[in-house]
Every structure is written in C-alpha cells, then in structure tokens.
Amino acid sequence: MKIIEKPWGREELLEKNTKYMMKRLTMFKGCRCSLQYHEYKTETILIITGSLKITTGNNIKECVDKNYYPGDSITIEKHIIHRMEAIEECVYIEASTPELDDVIRLKDDYERK
C-alpha cells in the first residue's frame, strides 16, 4: 500500500492495475481538495466515516453542494467539475478508472498547479 500525504489529509493507494484503482482517503475537518475535473477518469465515492460535502456541476456557475454521510455514495463521470470538503474528519473509498494523474485543477486552496 502506498500512502500519499496531501495538504488536506492523505490518500492510501490500495490497488492500481490496468482496469481500476482503489484508494482510501482521509480528509481533515474543514479541509477540501481542488475544484477539479478529469478528462478520462470516472470515480465512485463511498463514505465510510464522518461527513463530506461534495460539490458537482457541468460548469463552475452551475455547481451544487450535497452532504454525504456513512454509507452514501456518488459516481462522478469524466468532465464533471467536483470538489470534496470535510464537514468533519472523513474517511472515504474512491474506486475509479486507473488514470492516477488525470486532474485538471480549476481552483486550489493550496496553490497547486
């Protein structure tokens, strides 16, 4: 298992092969990832513990927020703008297609490119 430290928490890469990728993510309370989209990657998020606000939309002006709790899930298709924000510390599973570096950041609290 590979652990990737992030400014908002950490990703644990549980499996990556030619067909899929699976990660366990921990996001600290009050932190959020980039507002982003993927050109190729589709991902399904399953909340394990805590609560997560997920913003999604076809463009920035049409994004909506929804809160997710343990047992809730969402599938985010390629090209959908999205962002995860921890309402309280949250652990969630991400199962996706295997494009690990397919991230186009639109806004980022940590000034990453």
PDB file of N, CA and C in Angstrom:
ATOM      1  N   MET A   1       0.848  -1.172   0.000  1.00  0.00           N
ATOM      2  CA  MET A   1       0.000   0.000   0.000  1.00  0.00           C
ATOM      3  C   MET A   1       0.897   1.239   0.000  1.00  0.00           C
ATOM      4  N   LYS A   2       0.571   2.180  -0.878  1.00  0.00           N
ATOM      5  CA  LYS A   2       1.312   3.432  -0.981  1.00  0.00           C
ATOM      6  C   LYS A   2       0.498   4.537  -0.321  1.00  0.00           C
ATOM      7  N   ILE A   3       1.132   5.321   0.568  1.00  0.00           N
ATOM      8  CA  ILE A   3       0.469   6.438   1.235  1.00  0.00           C
ATOM      9  C   ILE A   3       0.993   7.732   0.630  1.00  0.00           C
ATOM     10  N   ILE A   4       0.051   8.594   0.220  1.00  0.00           N
ATOM     11  CA  ILE A   4       0.392   9.866  -0.386  1.00  0.00           C
ATOM     12  C   ILE A   4      -0.158  10.960   0.530  1.00  0.00           C
ATOM     13  N   GLU A   5       0.745  11.730   1.160  1.00  0.00           N
ATOM     14  CA  GLU A   5       0.316  12.818   2.034  1.00  0.00           C
ATOM     15  C   GLU A   5      -0.162  13.980   1.172  1.00  0.00           C
ATOM     16  N   LYS A   6      -1.267  14.586   1.582  1.00  0.00           N
ATOM     17  CA  LYS A   6      -1.862  15.721   0.891  1.00  0.00           C
ATOM     18  C   LYS A   6      -2.020  16.867   1.886  1.00  0.00           C
ATOM     19  N   PRO A   7      -2.124  18.110   1.425  1.00  0.00           N
ATOM     20  CA  PRO A   7      -2.316  19.213   2.389  1.00  0.00           C
ATOM     21  C   PRO A   7      -3.642  19.129   3.136  1.00  0.00           C
ATOM     22  N   TRP A   8      -4.603  18.400   2.600  1.00  0.00           N
ATOM     23  CA  TRP A   8      -5.925  18.255   3.221  1.00  0.00           C
ATOM     24  C   TRP A   8      -6.109  16.934   3.967  1.00  0.00           C
ATOM     25  N   GLY A   9      -5.106  16.044   3.914  1.00  0.00           N
ATOM     26  CA  GLY A   9      -5.208  14.723   4.550  1.00  0.00           C
ATOM     27  C   GLY A   9      -4.250  13.739   3.918  1.00  0.00           C
ATOM     28  N   ARG A  10      -4.774  12.560   3.517  1.00  0.00           N
ATOM     29  CA  ARG A  10      -3.900  11.567   2.872  1.00  0.00           C
ATOM     30  C   ARG A  10      -4.712  10.605   2.009  1.00  0.00           C
ATOM     31  N   GLU A  11      -4.017  10.050   1.028  1.00  0.00           N
ATOM     32  CA  GLU A  11      -4.576   9.004   0.176  1.00  0.00           C
ATOM     33  C   GLU A  11      -3.772   7.738   0.415  1.00  0.00           C
ATOM     34  N   GLU A  12      -4.464   6.631   0.531  1.00  0.00           N
ATOM     35  CA  GLU A  12      -3.809   5.327   0.622  1.00  0.00           C
ATOM     36  C   GLU A  12      -4.199   4.557  -0.633  1.00  0.00           C
ATOM     37  N   LEU A  13      -3.235   4.321  -1.485  1.00  0.00           N
ATOM     38  CA  LEU A  13      -3.478   3.603  -2.733  1.00  0.00           C
ATOM     39  C   LEU A  13      -3.537   2.112  -2.417  1.00  0.00           C
ATOM     40  N   LEU A  14      -4.740   1.553  -2.437  1.00  0.00           N
ATOM     41  CA  LEU A  14      -4.957   0.156  -2.069  1.00  0.00           C
ATOM     42  C   LEU A  14      -4.707  -0.785  -3.241  1.00  0.00           C
ATOM     43  N   GLU A  15      -5.072  -0.336  -4.455  1.00  0.00           N
ATOM     44  CA  GLU A  15      -4.896  -1.168  -5.658  1.00  0.00           C
ATOM     45  C   GLU A  15      -4.863  -0.268  -6.879  1.00  0.00           C
ATOM     46  N   LYS A  16      -3.956  -0.559  -7.782  1.00  0.00           N
ATOM     47  CA  LYS A  16      -3.933   0.104  -9.086  1.00  0.00           C
ATOM     48  C   LYS A  16      -3.492  -0.933 -10.101  1.00  0.00           C
ATOM     49  N   ASN A  17      -4.325  -1.135 -11.115  1.00  0.00           N
ATOM     50  CA  ASN A  17      -3.970  -2.042 -12.197  1.00  0.00           C
ATOM     51  C   ASN A  17      -4.480  -1.440 -13.503  1.00  0.00           C
ATOM     52  N   THR A  18      -4.482  -2.175 -14.559  1.00  0.00           N
ATOM     53  CA  THR A  18      -4.870  -1.628 -15.859  1.00  0.00           C
ATOM     54  C   THR A  18      -6.370  -1.389 -15.985  1.00  0.00           C
ATOM     55  N   LYS A  19      -7.173  -1.945 -15.079  1.00  0.00           N
ATOM     56  CA  LYS A  19      -8.628  -1.820 -15.191  1.00  0.00           C
ATOM     57  C   LYS A  19      -9.248  -0.865 -14.178  1.00  0.00           C
ATOM     58  N   TYR A  20      -8.680  -0.785 -12.965  1.00  0.00           N
ATOM     59  CA  TYR A  20      -9.260   0.076 -11.938  1.00  0.00           C
ATOM     60  C   TYR A  20      -8.223   0.479 -10.905  1.00  0.00           C
ATOM     61  N   MET A  21      -8.632   1.446 -10.083  1.00  0.00           N
ATOM     62  CA  MET A  21      -7.807   1.916  -8.984  1.00  0.00           C
ATOM     63  C   MET A  21      -8.712   2.055  -7.769  1.00  0.00           C
ATOM     64  N   MET A  22      -8.188   1.763  -6.581  1.00  0.00           N
ATOM     65  CA  MET A  22      -8.956   1.921  -5.353  1.00  0.00           C
ATOM     66  C   MET A  22      -8.087   2.612  -4.315  1.00  0.00           C
ATOM     67  N   LYS A  23      -8.661   3.668  -3.704  1.00  0.00           N
ATOM     68  CA  LYS A  23      -7.958   4.425  -2.680  1.00  0.00           C
ATOM     69  C   LYS A  23      -8.853   4.589  -1.456  1.00  0.00           C
ATOM     70  N   ARG A  24      -8.206   4.657  -0.284  1.00  0.00           N
ATOM     71  CA  ARG A  24      -8.878   5.063   0.947  1.00  0.00           C
ATOM     72  C   ARG A  24      -8.333   6.458   1.268  1.00  0.00           C
ATOM     73  N   LEU A  25      -9.225   7.426   1.394  1.00  0.00           N
ATOM     74  CA  LEU A  25      -8.815   8.804   1.630  1.00  0.00           C
ATOM     75  C   LEU A  25      -9.282   9.267   2.993  1.00  0.00           C
ATOM     76  N   THR A  26      -8.449  10.039   3.663  1.00  0.00           N
ATOM     77  CA  THR A  26      -8.805  10.696   4.914  1.00  0.00           C
ATOM     78  C   THR A  26      -8.696  12.189   4.665  1.00  0.00           C
ATOM     79  N   MET A  27      -9.791  12.911   4.906  1.00  0.00           N
ATOM     80  CA  MET A  27      -9.790  14.360   4.750  1.00  0.00           C
ATOM     81  C   MET A  27     -10.074  14.972   6.111  1.00  0.00           C
ATOM     82  N   PHE A  28      -9.219  15.906   6.518  1.00  0.00           N
ATOM     83  CA  PHE A  28      -9.342  16.531   7.827  1.00  0.00           C
ATOM     84  C   PHE A  28     -10.472  17.563   7.841  1.00  0.00           C
ATOM     85  N   LYS A  29     -11.118  17.694   8.987  1.00  0.00           N
ATOM     86  CA  LYS A  29     -12.237  18.620   9.160  1.00  0.00           C
ATOM     87  C   LYS A  29     -11.867  20.022   8.664  1.00  0.00           C
ATOM     88  N   GLY A  30     -12.765  20.591   7.859  1.00  0.00           N
ATOM     89  CA  GLY A  30     -12.572  21.942   7.352  1.00  0.00           C
ATOM     90  C   GLY A  30     -11.674  22.054   6.129  1.00  0.00           C
ATOM     91  N   CYS A  31     -11.078  20.965   5.723  1.00  0.00           N
ATOM     92  CA  CYS A  31     -10.199  20.974   4.554  1.00  0.00           C
ATOM     93  C   CYS A  31     -10.977  20.543   3.314  1.00  0.00           C
ATOM     94  N   ARG A  32     -10.426  20.901   2.154  1.00  0.00           N
ATOM     95  CA  ARG A  32     -11.059  20.497   0.903  1.00  0.00           C
ATOM     96  C   ARG A  32      -9.991  20.328  -0.174  1.00  0.00           C
ATOM     97  N   CYS A  33     -10.339  19.522  -1.154  1.00  0.00           N
ATOM     98  CA  CYS A  33      -9.427  19.306  -2.282  1.00  0.00           C
ATOM     99  C   CYS A  33      -9.682  20.388  -3.327  1.00  0.00           C
ATOM    100  N   SER A  34      -8.989  20.302  -4.420  1.00  0.00           N
ATOM    101  CA  SER A  34      -9.152  21.258  -5.521  1.00  0.00           C
ATOM    102  C   SER A  34     -10.544  21.168  -6.120  1.00  0.00           C
ATOM    103  N   LEU A  35     -11.004  22.292  -6.665  1.00  0.00           N
ATOM    104  CA  LEU A  35     -12.143  22.256  -7.574  1.00  0.00           C
ATOM    105  C   LEU A  35     -11.538  21.775  -8.887  1.00  0.00           C
ATOM    106  N   GLN A  36     -12.000  20.648  -9.401  1.00  0.00           N
ATOM    107  CA  GLN A  36     -11.293  19.956 -10.475  1.00  0.00           C
ATOM    108  C   GLN A  36     -12.239  19.172 -11.361  1.00  0.00           C
ATOM    109  N   TYR A  37     -11.666  18.652 -12.420  1.00  0.00           N
ATOM    110  CA  TYR A  37     -12.359  17.667 -13.251  1.00  0.00           C
ATOM    111  C   TYR A  37     -11.322  16.742 -13.861  1.00  0.00           C
ATOM    112  N   HIS A  38     -11.797  15.678 -14.475  1.00  0.00           N
ATOM    113  CA  HIS A  38     -10.927  14.690 -15.113  1.00  0.00           C
ATOM    114  C   HIS A  38     -11.320  14.556 -16.580  1.00  0.00           C
ATOM    115  N   GLU A  39     -10.334  14.402 -17.422  1.00  0.00           N
ATOM    116  CA  GLU A  39     -10.617  14.198 -18.846  1.00  0.00           C
ATOM    117  C   GLU A  39     -10.995  12.755 -19.156  1.00  0.00           C
ATOM    118  N   TYR A  40     -10.473  11.791 -18.385  1.00  0.00           N
ATOM    119  CA  TYR A  40     -10.692  10.371 -18.671  1.00  0.00           C
ATOM    120  C   TYR A  40     -11.285   9.597 -17.493  1.00  0.00           C
ATOM    121  N   LYS A  41     -10.943  10.007 -16.303  1.00  0.00           N
ATOM    122  CA  LYS A  41     -11.259   9.238 -15.094  1.00  0.00           C
ATOM    123  C   LYS A  41     -12.723   9.394 -14.668  1.00  0.00           C
ATOM    124  N   THR A  42     -13.348   8.279 -14.329  1.00  0.00           N
ATOM    125  CA  THR A  42     -14.647   8.230 -13.662  1.00  0.00           C
ATOM    126  C   THR A  42     -14.414   7.631 -12.290  1.00  0.00           C
ATOM    127  N   GLU A  43     -15.050   8.199 -11.265  1.00  0.00           N
ATOM    128  CA  GLU A  43     -14.810   7.722  -9.903  1.00  0.00           C
ATOM    129  C   GLU A  43     -16.107   7.581  -9.135  1.00  0.00           C
ATOM    130  N   THR A  44     -16.126   6.590  -8.244  1.00  0.00           N
ATOM    131  CA  THR A  44     -17.237   6.401  -7.312  1.00  0.00           C
ATOM    132  C   THR A  44     -16.692   6.585  -5.911  1.00  0.00           C
ATOM    133  N   ILE A  45     -17.390   7.408  -5.130  1.00  0.00           N
ATOM    134  CA  ILE A  45     -17.001   7.733  -3.764  1.00  0.00           C
ATOM    135  C   ILE A  45     -17.989   7.061  -2.813  1.00  0.00           C
ATOM    136  N   LEU A  46     -17.477   6.383  -1.784  1.00  0.00           N
ATOM    137  CA  LEU A  46     -18.291   5.753  -0.742  1.00  0.00           C
ATOM    138  C   LEU A  46     -17.810   6.268   0.611  1.00  0.00           C
ATOM    139  N   ILE A  47     -18.690   6.912   1.356  1.00  0.00           N
ATOM    140  CA  ILE A  47     -18.331   7.467   2.659  1.00  0.00           C
ATOM    141  C   ILE A  47     -18.308   6.340   3.700  1.00  0.00           C
ATOM    142  N   ILE A  48     -17.203   6.263   4.446  1.00  0.00           N
ATOM    143  CA  ILE A  48     -17.037   5.248   5.494  1.00  0.00           C
ATOM    144  C   ILE A  48     -17.327   5.853   6.872  1.00  0.00           C
ATOM    145  N   THR A  49     -16.644   6.950   7.211  1.00  0.00           N
ATOM    146  CA  THR A  49     -16.878   7.634   8.484  1.00  0.00           C
ATOM    147  C   THR A  49     -16.883   9.137   8.257  1.00  0.00           C
ATOM    148  N   GLY A  50     -17.530   9.870   9.148  1.00  0.00           N
ATOM    149  CA  GLY A  50     -17.553  11.322   9.063  1.00  0.00           C
ATOM    150  C   GLY A  50     -18.571  11.815   8.054  1.00  0.00           C
ATOM    151  N   SER A  51     -18.399  13.064   7.624  1.00  0.00           N
ATOM    152  CA  SER A  51     -19.299  13.635   6.629  1.00  0.00           C
ATOM    153  C   SER A  51     -18.515  14.503   5.656  1.00  0.00           C
ATOM    154  N   LEU A  52     -18.996  14.506   4.436  1.00  0.00           N
ATOM    155  CA  LEU A  52     -18.288  15.134   3.332  1.00  0.00           C
ATOM    156  C   LEU A  52     -19.282  15.933   2.501  1.00  0.00           C
ATOM    157  N   LYS A  53     -18.929  17.182   2.219  1.00  0.00           N
ATOM    158  CA  LYS A  53     -19.714  17.982   1.283  1.00  0.00           C
ATOM    159  C   LYS A  53     -19.065  17.813  -0.088  1.00  0.00           C
ATOM    160  N   ILE A  54     -19.861  17.401  -1.074  1.00  0.00           N
ATOM    161  CA  ILE A  54     -19.349  17.223  -2.424  1.00  0.00           C
ATOM    162  C   ILE A  54     -20.063  18.215  -3.332  1.00  0.00           C
ATOM    163  N   THR A  55     -19.264  19.005  -4.024  1.00  0.00           N
ATOM    164  CA  THR A  55     -19.737  19.983  -4.988  1.00  0.00           C
ATOM    165  C   THR A  55     -19.589  19.379  -6.372  1.00  0.00           C
ATOM    166  N   THR A  56     -20.637  19.431  -7.192  1.00  0.00           N
ATOM    167  CA  THR A  56     -20.568  18.896  -8.557  1.00  0.00           C
ATOM    168  C   THR A  56     -21.333  19.811  -9.513  1.00  0.00           C
ATOM    169  N   GLY A  57     -20.921  19.764 -10.785  1.00  0.00           N
ATOM    170  CA  GLY A  57     -21.635  20.512 -11.806  1.00  0.00           C
ATOM    171  C   GLY A  57     -20.971  20.400 -13.160  1.00  0.00           C
ATOM    172  N   ASN A  58     -21.707  20.778 -14.181  1.00  0.00           N
ATOM    173  CA  ASN A  58     -21.170  20.764 -15.543  1.00  0.00           C
ATOM    174  C   ASN A  58     -20.266  21.954 -15.818  1.00  0.00           C
ATOM    175  N   ASN A  59     -20.472  23.060 -15.073  1.00  0.00           N
ATOM    176  CA  ASN A  59     -19.576  24.214 -15.154  1.00  0.00           C
ATOM    177  C   ASN A  59     -19.582  24.903 -13.793  1.00  0.00           C
ATOM    178  N   ILE A  60     -18.651  25.823 -13.580  1.00  0.00           N
ATOM    179  CA  ILE A  60     -18.476  26.430 -12.259  1.00  0.00           C
ATOM    180  C   ILE A  60     -19.748  27.139 -11.788  1.00  0.00           C
ATOM    181  N   LYS A  61     -20.438  27.820 -12.675  1.00  0.00           N
ATOM    182  CA  LYS A  61     -21.632  28.587 -12.289  1.00  0.00           C
ATOM    183  C   LYS A  61     -22.812  27.704 -11.905  1.00  0.00           C
ATOM    184  N   GLU A  62     -22.819  26.447 -12.340  1.00  0.00           N
ATOM    185  CA  GLU A  62     -23.947  25.553 -12.062  1.00  0.00           C
ATOM    186  C   GLU A  62     -23.645  24.503 -10.991  1.00  0.00           C
ATOM    187  N   CYS A  63     -22.545  24.654 -10.286  1.00  0.00           N
ATOM    188  CA  CYS A  63     -22.195  23.666  -9.261  1.00  0.00           C
ATOM    189  C   CYS A  63     -23.168  23.735  -8.081  1.00  0.00           C
ATOM    190  N   VAL A  64     -23.487  22.559  -7.537  1.00  0.00           N
ATOM    191  CA  VAL A  64     -24.343  22.455  -6.356  1.00  0.00           C
ATOM    192  C   VAL A  64     -23.631  21.610  -5.303  1.00  0.00           C
ATOM    193  N   ASP A  65     -23.952  21.865  -4.043  1.00  0.00           N
ATOM    194  CA  ASP A  65     -23.376  21.141  -2.912  1.00  0.00           C
ATOM    195  C   ASP A  65     -24.373  20.131  -2.384  1.00  0.00           C
ATOM    196  N   LYS A  66     -23.856  18.989  -1.950  1.00  0.00           N
ATOM    197  CA  LYS A  66     -24.684  17.996  -1.268  1.00  0.00           C
ATOM    198  C   LYS A  66     -23.832  17.341  -0.193  1.00  0.00           C
ATOM    199  N   ASN A  67     -24.420  17.128   0.983  1.00  0.00           N
ATOM    200  CA  ASN A  67     -23.708  16.476   2.079  1.00  0.00           C
ATOM    201  C   ASN A  67     -23.898  14.966   2.006  1.00  0.00           C
ATOM    202  N   TYR A  68     -22.815  14.243   2.306  1.00  0.00           N
ATOM    203  CA  TYR A  68     -22.813  12.782   2.276  1.00  0.00           C
ATOM    204  C   TYR A  68     -22.350  12.261   3.630  1.00  0.00           C
ATOM    205  N   TYR A  69     -22.937  11.112   4.029  1.00  0.00           N
ATOM    206  CA  TYR A  69     -22.702  10.515   5.337  1.00  0.00           C
ATOM    207  C   TYR A  69     -22.373   9.034   5.159  1.00  0.00           C
ATOM    208  N   PRO A  70     -21.919   8.347   6.219  1.00  0.00           N
ATOM    209  CA  PRO A  70     -21.539   6.942   6.080  1.00  0.00           C
ATOM    210  C   PRO A  70     -22.599   6.106   5.359  1.00  0.00           C
ATOM    211  N   GLY A  71     -22.130   5.363   4.361  1.00  0.00           N
ATOM    212  CA  GLY A  71     -22.995   4.527   3.543  1.00  0.00           C
ATOM    213  C   GLY A  71     -23.462   5.199   2.265  1.00  0.00           C
ATOM    214  N   ASP A  72     -23.354   6.534   2.187  1.00  0.00           N
ATOM    215  CA  ASP A  72     -23.735   7.251   0.966  1.00  0.00           C
ATOM    216  C   ASP A  72     -22.645   7.107  -0.088  1.00  0.00           C
ATOM    217  N   SER A  73     -23.059   7.169  -1.354  1.00  0.00           N
ATOM    218  CA  SER A  73     -22.090   7.095  -2.450  1.00  0.00           C
ATOM    219  C   SER A  73     -22.530   7.991  -3.601  1.00  0.00           C
ATOM    220  N   ILE A  74     -21.588   8.323  -4.452  1.00  0.00           N
ATOM    221  CA  ILE A  74     -21.828   9.112  -5.649  1.00  0.00           C
ATOM    222  C   ILE A  74     -20.826   8.680  -6.709  1.00  0.00           C
ATOM    223  N   THR A  75     -21.273   8.625  -7.958  1.00  0.00           N
ATOM    224  CA  THR A  75     -20.370   8.391  -9.080  1.00  0.00           C
ATOM    225  C   THR A  75     -20.207   9.711  -9.827  1.00  0.00           C
ATOM    226  N   ILE A  76     -18.959  10.079 -10.071  1.00  0.00           N
ATOM    227  CA  ILE A  76     -18.635  11.317 -10.763  1.00  0.00           C
ATOM    228  C   ILE A  76     -18.001  10.949 -12.105  1.00  0.00           C
ATOM    229  N   GLU A  77     -18.710  11.254 -13.160  1.00  0.00           N
ATOM    230  CA  GLU A  77     -18.255  10.932 -14.517  1.00  0.00           C
ATOM    231  C   GLU A  77     -17.160  11.906 -14.956  1.00  0.00           C
ATOM    232  N   LYS A  78     -16.390  11.516 -15.964  1.00  0.00           N
ATOM    233  CA  LYS A  78     -15.367  12.403 -16.521  1.00  0.00           C
ATOM    234  C   LYS A  78     -16.025  13.707 -16.974  1.00  0.00           C
ATOM    235  N   HIS A  79     -15.275  14.777 -16.923  1.00  0.00           N
ATOM    236  CA  HIS A  79     -15.669  16.139 -17.310  1.00  0.00           C
ATOM    237  C   HIS A  79     -16.591  16.836 -16.305  1.00  0.00           C
ATOM    238  N   ILE A  80     -17.055  16.149 -15.263  1.00  0.00           N
ATOM    239  CA  ILE A  80     -17.886  16.797 -14.245  1.00  0.00           C
ATOM    240  C   ILE A  80     -16.972  17.513 -13.250  1.00  0.00           C
ATOM    241  N   ILE A  81     -17.220  18.794 -13.057  1.00  0.00           N
ATOM    242  CA  ILE A  81     -16.455  19.569 -12.072  1.00  0.00           C
ATOM    243  C   ILE A  81     -16.881  19.100 -10.682  1.00  0.00           C
ATOM    244  N   HIS A  82     -15.889  18.953  -9.777  1.00  0.00           N
ATOM    245  CA  HIS A  82     -16.216  18.488  -8.436  1.00  0.00           C
ATOM    246  C   HIS A  82     -15.172  18.909  -7.408  1.00  0.00           C
ATOM    247  N   ARG A  83     -15.593  18.857  -6.148  1.00  0.00           N
ATOM    248  CA  ARG A  83     -14.711  19.146  -5.011  1.00  0.00           C
ATOM    249  C   ARG A  83     -15.291  18.464  -3.790  1.00  0.00           C
ATOM    250  N   MET A  84     -14.417  17.887  -2.965  1.00  0.00           N
ATOM    251  CA  MET A  84     -14.811  17.294  -1.702  1.00  0.00           C
ATOM    252  C   MET A  84     -14.321  18.198  -0.573  1.00  0.00           C
ATOM    253  N   GLU A  85     -15.181  18.382   0.451  1.00  0.00           N
ATOM    254  CA  GLU A  85     -14.828  19.184   1.623  1.00  0.00           C
ATOM    255  C   GLU A  85     -15.318  18.461   2.871  1.00  0.00           C
ATOM    256  N   ALA A  86     -14.431  18.285   3.840  1.00  0.00           N
ATOM    257  CA  ALA A  86     -14.790  17.557   5.066  1.00  0.00           C
ATOM    258  C   ALA A  86     -15.559  18.454   6.024  1.00  0.00           C
ATOM    259  N   ILE A  87     -16.803  18.091   6.294  1.00  0.00           N
ATOM    260  CA  ILE A  87     -17.611  18.772   7.299  1.00  0.00           C
ATOM    261  C   ILE A  87     -17.060  18.402   8.680  1.00  0.00           C
ATOM    262  N   GLU A  88     -16.730  17.136   8.829  1.00  0.00           N
ATOM    263  CA  GLU A  88     -15.979  16.623   9.970  1.00  0.00           C
ATOM    264  C   GLU A  88     -14.974  15.643   9.381  1.00  0.00           C
ATOM    265  N   GLU A  89     -13.941  15.274  10.128  1.00  0.00           N
ATOM    266  CA  GLU A  89     -12.952  14.366   9.551  1.00  0.00           C
ATOM    267  C   GLU A  89     -13.672  13.193   8.898  1.00  0.00           C
ATOM    268  N   CYS A  90     -13.251  12.857   7.711  1.00  0.00           N
ATOM    269  CA  CYS A  90     -13.976  11.884   6.898  1.00  0.00           C
ATOM    270  C   CYS A  90     -13.013  10.869   6.292  1.00  0.00           C
ATOM    271  N   VAL A  91     -13.428   9.622   6.303  1.00  0.00           N
ATOM    272  CA  VAL A  91     -12.724   8.565   5.580  1.00  0.00           C
ATOM    273  C   VAL A  91     -13.667   8.075   4.503  1.00  0.00           C
ATOM    274  N   TYR A  92     -13.146   8.004   3.275  1.00  0.00           N
ATOM    275  CA  TYR A  92     -13.967   7.528   2.169  1.00  0.00           C
ATOM    276  C   TYR A  92     -13.140   6.710   1.205  1.00  0.00           C
ATOM    277  N   ILE A  93     -13.829   5.854   0.480  1.00  0.00           N
ATOM    278  CA  ILE A  93     -13.216   4.993  -0.529  1.00  0.00           C
ATOM    279  C   ILE A  93     -13.490   5.600  -1.896  1.00  0.00           C
ATOM    280  N   GLU A  94     -12.468   5.622  -2.725  1.00  0.00           N
ATOM    281  CA  GLU A  94     -12.624   6.029  -4.118  1.00  0.00           C
ATOM    282  C   GLU A  94     -12.253   4.851  -4.998  1.00  0.00           C
ATOM    283  N   ALA A  95     -13.209   4.375  -5.763  1.00  0.00           N
ATOM    284  CA  ALA A  95     -12.965   3.349  -6.780  1.00  0.00           C
ATOM    285  C   ALA A  95     -13.091   4.061  -8.121  1.00  0.00           C
ATOM    286  N   SER A  96     -12.102   3.888  -8.986  1.00  0.00           N
ATOM    287  CA  SER A  96     -12.113   4.646 -10.230  1.00  0.00           C
ATOM    288  C   SER A  96     -11.395   3.904 -11.343  1.00  0.00           C
ATOM    289  N   THR A  97     -11.495   4.498 -12.521  1.00  0.00           N
ATOM    290  CA  THR A  97     -10.647   4.055 -13.619  1.00  0.00           C
ATOM    291  C   THR A  97      -9.212   4.433 -13.233  1.00  0.00           C
ATOM    292  N   PRO A  98      -8.191   3.835 -13.862  1.00  0.00           N
ATOM    293  CA  PRO A  98      -6.825   3.908 -13.310  1.00  0.00           C
ATOM    294  C   PRO A  98      -5.991   5.141 -13.656  1.00  0.00           C
ATOM    295  N   GLU A  99      -6.576   6.220 -14.122  1.00  0.00           N
ATOM    296  CA  GLU A  99      -5.792   7.391 -14.525  1.00  0.00           C
ATOM    297  C   GLU A  99      -5.406   8.234 -13.306  1.00  0.00           C
ATOM    298  N   LEU A 100      -4.340   7.862 -12.635  1.00  0.00           N
ATOM    299  CA  LEU A 100      -3.914   8.470 -11.374  1.00  0.00           C
ATOM    300  C   LEU A 100      -3.615   9.966 -11.511  1.00  0.00           C
ATOM    301  N   ASP A 101      -3.015  10.400 -12.599  1.00  0.00           N
ATOM    302  CA  ASP A 101      -2.584  11.790 -12.748  1.00  0.00           C
ATOM    303  C   ASP A 101      -3.536  12.647 -13.572  1.00  0.00           C
ATOM    304  N   ASP A 102      -4.732  12.167 -13.841  1.00  0.00           N
ATOM    305  CA  ASP A 102      -5.706  12.899 -14.653  1.00  0.00           C
ATOM    306  C   ASP A 102      -6.498  13.868 -13.777  1.00  0.00           C
ATOM    307  N   VAL A 103      -5.869  15.012 -13.437  1.00  0.00           N
ATOM    308  CA  VAL A 103      -6.506  16.029 -12.599  1.00  0.00           C
ATOM    309  C   VAL A 103      -6.292  17.387 -13.253  1.00  0.00           C
ATOM    310  N   ILE A 104      -7.374  18.070 -13.574  1.00  0.00           N
ATOM    311  CA  ILE A 104      -7.304  19.438 -14.061  1.00  0.00           C
ATOM    312  C   ILE A 104      -7.881  20.319 -12.959  1.00  0.00           C
ATOM    313  N   ARG A 105      -6.994  21.057 -12.274  1.00  0.00           N
ATOM    314  CA  ARG A 105      -7.413  21.899 -11.156  1.00  0.00           C
ATOM    315  C   ARG A 105      -7.905  23.247 -11.672  1.00  0.00           C
ATOM    316  N   LEU A 106      -9.081  23.663 -11.204  1.00  0.00           N
ATOM    317  CA  LEU A 106      -9.646  24.966 -11.558  1.00  0.00           C
ATOM    318  C   LEU A 106      -9.407  25.983 -10.458  1.00  0.00           C
ATOM    319  N   LYS A 107      -9.513  25.542  -9.192  1.00  0.00           N
ATOM    320  CA  LYS A 107      -9.231  26.359  -8.013  1.00  0.00           C
ATOM    321  C   LYS A 107      -8.594  25.450  -6.982  1.00  0.00           C
ATOM    322  N   ASP A 108      -7.644  26.011  -6.218  1.00  0.00           N
ATOM    323  CA  ASP A 108      -6.962  25.197  -5.221  1.00  0.00           C
ATOM    324  C   ASP A 108      -6.548  26.063  -4.032  1.00  0.00           C
ATOM    325  N   ASP A 109      -6.961  25.675  -2.838  1.00  0.00           N
ATOM    326  CA  ASP A 109      -6.635  26.411  -1.621  1.00  0.00           C
ATOM    327  C   ASP A 109      -5.141  26.385  -1.314  1.00  0.00           C
ATOM    328  N   TYR A 110      -4.420  25.444  -1.875  1.00  0.00           N
ATOM    329  CA  TYR A 110      -3.011  25.228  -1.555  1.00  0.00           C
ATOM    330  C   TYR A 110      -2.084  25.668  -2.686  1.00  0.00           C
ATOM    331  N   GLU A 111      -2.636  26.371  -3.671  1.00  0.00           N
ATOM    332  CA  GLU A 111      -1.895  26.942  -4.794  1.00  0.00           C
ATOM    333  C   GLU A 111      -1.106  25.919  -5.603  1.00  0.00           C
ATOM    334  N   ARG A 112      -1.662  24.699  -5.696  1.00  0.00           N
ATOM    335  CA  ARG A 112      -1.057  23.681  -6.557  1.00  0.00           C
ATOM    336  C   ARG A 112      -1.483  23.934  -7.991  1.00  0.00           C
ATOM    337  N   LYS A 113      -0.644  23.586  -8.927  1.00  0.00           N
ATOM    338  CA  LYS A 113      -0.943  23.767 -10.357  1.00  0.00           C
ATOM    339  C   LYS A 113      -1.771  22.629 -10.872  1.00  0.00           C
TER     340      LYS A 113
END
